[in-house]
Amino acid sequence: MVVQELGWDTDSDDELRIAVEDRIDADLVDADYGNVVDAVLLWWRDEDGDLVDGLVDALTDLVGGGAIWLLTPKVGRPNAVDPADIAEAAPIAGLSQTTTAAVSKDWSATRLVAPKTPA
């Protein structure tokens, strides 16, 4: 499995990143990977700009049927993203929201599924 990481910054949760790498038994790839990926970890903060644009950009290398894990600061933390903003942005970007879970002390993850491409 190839997982692309976008939006990493010094506030990203390194323990979570390491847990993902251990789970897939591989390193995360970045935006310069240049091939299709099975999933995207997208670190996103309220100050990062337009969420729809960020989600559309995250779809660039994602294989049809792949998932974007949108990682946002938990509600009440600096730069938290309003869950309503995610619910509004996802369908505009052509994604369906499936799951949201607390994944670390400071971060929540929302699973967004990309449409499948015809075979």
C-alpha atoms as a PDB file:
ATOM      1  CA  MET A   1       0.000   0.000   0.000  1.00  0.00           C
ATOM      2  CA  VAL A   2       1.280   3.454  -0.914  1.00  0.00           C
ATOM      3  CA  VAL A   3       0.181   6.344   1.314  1.00  0.00           C
ATOM      4  CA  GLN A   4       0.893   9.936   0.341  1.00  0.00           C
ATOM      5  CA  GLU A   5       1.267  12.600   3.020  1.00  0.00           C
ATOM      6  CA  LEU A   6       0.331  16.191   2.259  1.00  0.00           C
ATOM      7  CA  GLY A   7       0.297  19.249   4.494  1.00  0.00           C
ATOM      8  CA  TRP A   8       2.867  18.020   7.007  1.00  0.00           C
ATOM      9  CA  ASP A   9       4.171  20.727   9.339  1.00  0.00           C
ATOM     10  CA  THR A  10       5.917  20.909  12.693  1.00  0.00           C
ATOM     11  CA  ASP A  11       2.579  20.542  14.504  1.00  0.00           C
ATOM     12  CA  SER A  12       1.773  17.219  12.799  1.00  0.00           C
ATOM     13  CA  ASP A  13       1.639  14.191  15.091  1.00  0.00           C
ATOM     14  CA  ASP A  14       4.828  12.192  14.513  1.00  0.00           C
ATOM     15  CA  GLU A  15       3.592   9.235  16.590  1.00  0.00           C
ATOM     16  CA  LEU A  16       0.592   8.929  14.289  1.00  0.00           C
ATOM     17  CA  ARG A  17       2.812   9.163  11.208  1.00  0.00           C
ATOM     18  CA  ILE A  18       5.075   6.397  12.551  1.00  0.00           C
ATOM     19  CA  ALA A  19       2.060   4.223  13.396  1.00  0.00           C
ATOM     20  CA  VAL A  20       0.806   4.547   9.794  1.00  0.00           C
ATOM     21  CA  GLU A  21       4.251   3.686   8.404  1.00  0.00           C
ATOM     22  CA  ASP A  22       4.449   0.657  10.716  1.00  0.00           C
ATOM     23  CA  ARG A  23       0.960  -0.441   9.644  1.00  0.00           C
ATOM     24  CA  ILE A  24       1.730  -0.261   5.910  1.00  0.00           C
ATOM     25  CA  ASP A  25       5.335  -1.433   6.405  1.00  0.00           C
ATOM     26  CA  ALA A  26       6.610   1.397   4.200  1.00  0.00           C
ATOM     27  CA  ASP A  27       7.513   5.072   4.306  1.00  0.00           C
ATOM     28  CA  LEU A  28       4.927   7.720   3.492  1.00  0.00           C
ATOM     29  CA  VAL A  29       5.475   9.389   0.111  1.00  0.00           C
ATOM     30  CA  ASP A  30       5.185  13.108  -0.559  1.00  0.00           C
ATOM     31  CA  ALA A  31       3.636  15.241  -3.303  1.00  0.00           C
ATOM     32  CA  ASP A  32       6.634  14.606  -5.594  1.00  0.00           C
ATOM     33  CA  TYR A  33       6.057  10.829  -5.663  1.00  0.00           C
ATOM     34  CA  GLY A  34       4.805  10.912  -9.263  1.00  0.00           C
ATOM     35  CA  ASN A  35       2.680   7.765  -9.274  1.00  0.00           C
ATOM     36  CA  VAL A  36      -0.755   6.681  -8.056  1.00  0.00           C
ATOM     37  CA  VAL A  37      -1.319   6.174  -4.337  1.00  0.00           C
ATOM     38  CA  ASP A  38      -3.832   4.070  -2.421  1.00  0.00           C
ATOM     39  CA  ALA A  39      -4.543   6.660   0.277  1.00  0.00           C
ATOM     40  CA  VAL A  40      -3.694  10.228   1.226  1.00  0.00           C
ATOM     41  CA  LEU A  41      -3.045  11.644   4.690  1.00  0.00           C
ATOM     42  CA  LEU A  42      -3.954  15.307   4.394  1.00  0.00           C
ATOM     43  CA  TRP A  43      -2.962  17.450   7.389  1.00  0.00           C
ATOM     44  CA  TRP A  44      -5.282  20.477   7.287  1.00  0.00           C
ATOM     45  CA  ARG A  45      -5.659  23.484   9.533  1.00  0.00           C
ATOM     46  CA  ASP A  46      -8.231  26.268   9.419  1.00  0.00           C
ATOM     47  CA  GLU A  47      -5.500  28.706   8.325  1.00  0.00           C
ATOM     48  CA  ASP A  48      -4.475  26.531   5.350  1.00  0.00           C
ATOM     49  CA  GLY A  49      -6.899  28.169   2.922  1.00  0.00           C
ATOM     50  CA  ASP A  50      -9.783  26.761   0.920  1.00  0.00           C
ATOM     51  CA  LEU A  51     -10.537  23.185   1.976  1.00  0.00           C
ATOM     52  CA  VAL A  52     -12.223  22.322  -1.333  1.00  0.00           C
ATOM     53  CA  ASP A  53      -9.030  23.270  -3.199  1.00  0.00           C
ATOM     54  CA  GLY A  54      -6.964  21.208  -0.753  1.00  0.00           C
ATOM     55  CA  LEU A  55      -9.179  18.170  -1.230  1.00  0.00           C
ATOM     56  CA  VAL A  56      -9.161  18.481  -5.027  1.00  0.00           C
ATOM     57  CA  ASP A  57      -5.356  18.724  -4.954  1.00  0.00           C
ATOM     58  CA  ALA A  58      -5.220  15.620  -2.741  1.00  0.00           C
ATOM     59  CA  LEU A  59      -7.135  13.696  -5.424  1.00  0.00           C
ATOM     60  CA  THR A  60      -4.358  14.264  -7.994  1.00  0.00           C
ATOM     61  CA  ASP A  61      -2.474  10.993  -7.395  1.00  0.00           C
ATOM     62  CA  LEU A  62      -5.219   9.032  -5.626  1.00  0.00           C
ATOM     63  CA  VAL A  63      -6.319   5.819  -7.294  1.00  0.00           C
ATOM     64  CA  GLY A  64     -10.044   5.548  -8.010  1.00  0.00           C
ATOM     65  CA  GLY A  65     -11.785   4.174  -4.935  1.00  0.00           C
ATOM     66  CA  GLY A  66      -8.939   5.331  -2.687  1.00  0.00           C
ATOM     67  CA  ALA A  67      -9.428   7.280   0.517  1.00  0.00           C
ATOM     68  CA  ILE A  68      -8.289  10.622   1.842  1.00  0.00           C
ATOM     69  CA  TRP A  69      -7.762  10.768   5.586  1.00  0.00           C
ATOM     70  CA  LEU A  70      -8.301  14.434   6.416  1.00  0.00           C
ATOM     71  CA  LEU A  71      -6.385  15.143   9.616  1.00  0.00           C
ATOM     72  CA  THR A  72      -7.545  18.286  11.412  1.00  0.00           C
ATOM     73  CA  PRO A  73      -6.880  19.723  14.869  1.00  0.00           C
ATOM     74  CA  LYS A  74      -9.562  18.632  17.330  1.00  0.00           C
ATOM     75  CA  VAL A  75     -12.352  21.075  18.135  1.00  0.00           C
ATOM     76  CA  GLY A  76     -11.099  23.573  20.708  1.00  0.00           C
ATOM     77  CA  ARG A  77      -7.475  23.324  19.539  1.00  0.00           C
ATOM     78  CA  PRO A  78      -5.759  26.151  17.625  1.00  0.00           C
ATOM     79  CA  ASN A  79      -6.638  26.094  13.899  1.00  0.00           C
ATOM     80  CA  ALA A  80      -9.439  23.534  14.377  1.00  0.00           C
ATOM     81  CA  VAL A  81     -11.596  23.035  11.298  1.00  0.00           C
ATOM     82  CA  ASP A  82     -15.347  23.238  11.840  1.00  0.00           C
ATOM     83  CA  PRO A  83     -16.914  19.819  11.081  1.00  0.00           C
ATOM     84  CA  ALA A  84     -19.607  21.655   9.080  1.00  0.00           C
ATOM     85  CA  ASP A  85     -16.866  22.994   6.790  1.00  0.00           C
ATOM     86  CA  ILE A  86     -15.708  19.432   6.116  1.00  0.00           C
ATOM     87  CA  ALA A  87     -19.277  18.254   5.488  1.00  0.00           C
ATOM     88  CA  GLU A  88     -19.753  21.116   3.023  1.00  0.00           C
ATOM     89  CA  ALA A  89     -16.385  20.842   1.239  1.00  0.00           C
ATOM     90  CA  ALA A  90     -16.304  17.072   0.699  1.00  0.00           C
ATOM     91  CA  PRO A  91     -19.196  16.754  -1.794  1.00  0.00           C
ATOM     92  CA  ILE A  92     -18.063  19.871  -3.663  1.00  0.00           C
ATOM     93  CA  ALA A  93     -14.704  18.122  -4.157  1.00  0.00           C
ATOM     94  CA  GLY A  94     -16.525  14.969  -5.280  1.00  0.00           C
ATOM     95  CA  LEU A  95     -15.910  13.029  -2.069  1.00  0.00           C
ATOM     96  CA  SER A  96     -18.138  11.229   0.404  1.00  0.00           C
ATOM     97  CA  GLN A  97     -17.513  11.505   4.125  1.00  0.00           C
ATOM     98  CA  THR A  98     -17.621   8.112   5.844  1.00  0.00           C
ATOM     99  CA  THR A  99     -15.941   8.148   9.269  1.00  0.00           C
ATOM    100  CA  THR A 100     -14.542  10.610  11.786  1.00  0.00           C
ATOM    101  CA  ALA A 101     -12.412   9.525  14.731  1.00  0.00           C
ATOM    102  CA  ALA A 102     -10.017  10.947  17.289  1.00  0.00           C
ATOM    103  CA  VAL A 103      -6.613   9.607  16.262  1.00  0.00           C
ATOM    104  CA  SER A 104      -4.336  11.367  18.747  1.00  0.00           C
ATOM    105  CA  LYS A 105      -4.387  13.855  21.596  1.00  0.00           C
ATOM    106  CA  ASP A 106      -4.650  16.837  19.231  1.00  0.00           C
ATOM    107  CA  TRP A 107      -5.883  15.466  15.893  1.00  0.00           C
ATOM    108  CA  SER A 108      -9.072  14.023  14.419  1.00  0.00           C
ATOM    109  CA  ALA A 109      -9.276  12.088  11.164  1.00  0.00           C
ATOM    110  CA  THR A 110     -12.139  12.161   8.701  1.00  0.00           C
ATOM    111  CA  ARG A 111     -12.199   9.468   6.024  1.00  0.00           C
ATOM    112  CA  LEU A 112     -13.270  10.770   2.632  1.00  0.00           C
ATOM    113  CA  VAL A 113     -13.808   8.356  -0.231  1.00  0.00           C
ATOM    114  CA  ALA A 114     -13.069   9.270  -3.813  1.00  0.00           C
ATOM    115  CA  PRO A 115     -15.418   8.144  -6.567  1.00  0.00           C
ATOM    116  CA  LYS A 116     -14.435   4.942  -8.327  1.00  0.00           C
ATOM    117  CA  THR A 117     -13.229   5.338 -11.864  1.00  0.00           C
ATOM    118  CA  PRO A 118     -14.840   3.167 -14.552  1.00  0.00           C
ATOM    119  CA  ALA A 119     -12.767   0.126 -15.505  1.00  0.00           C
END
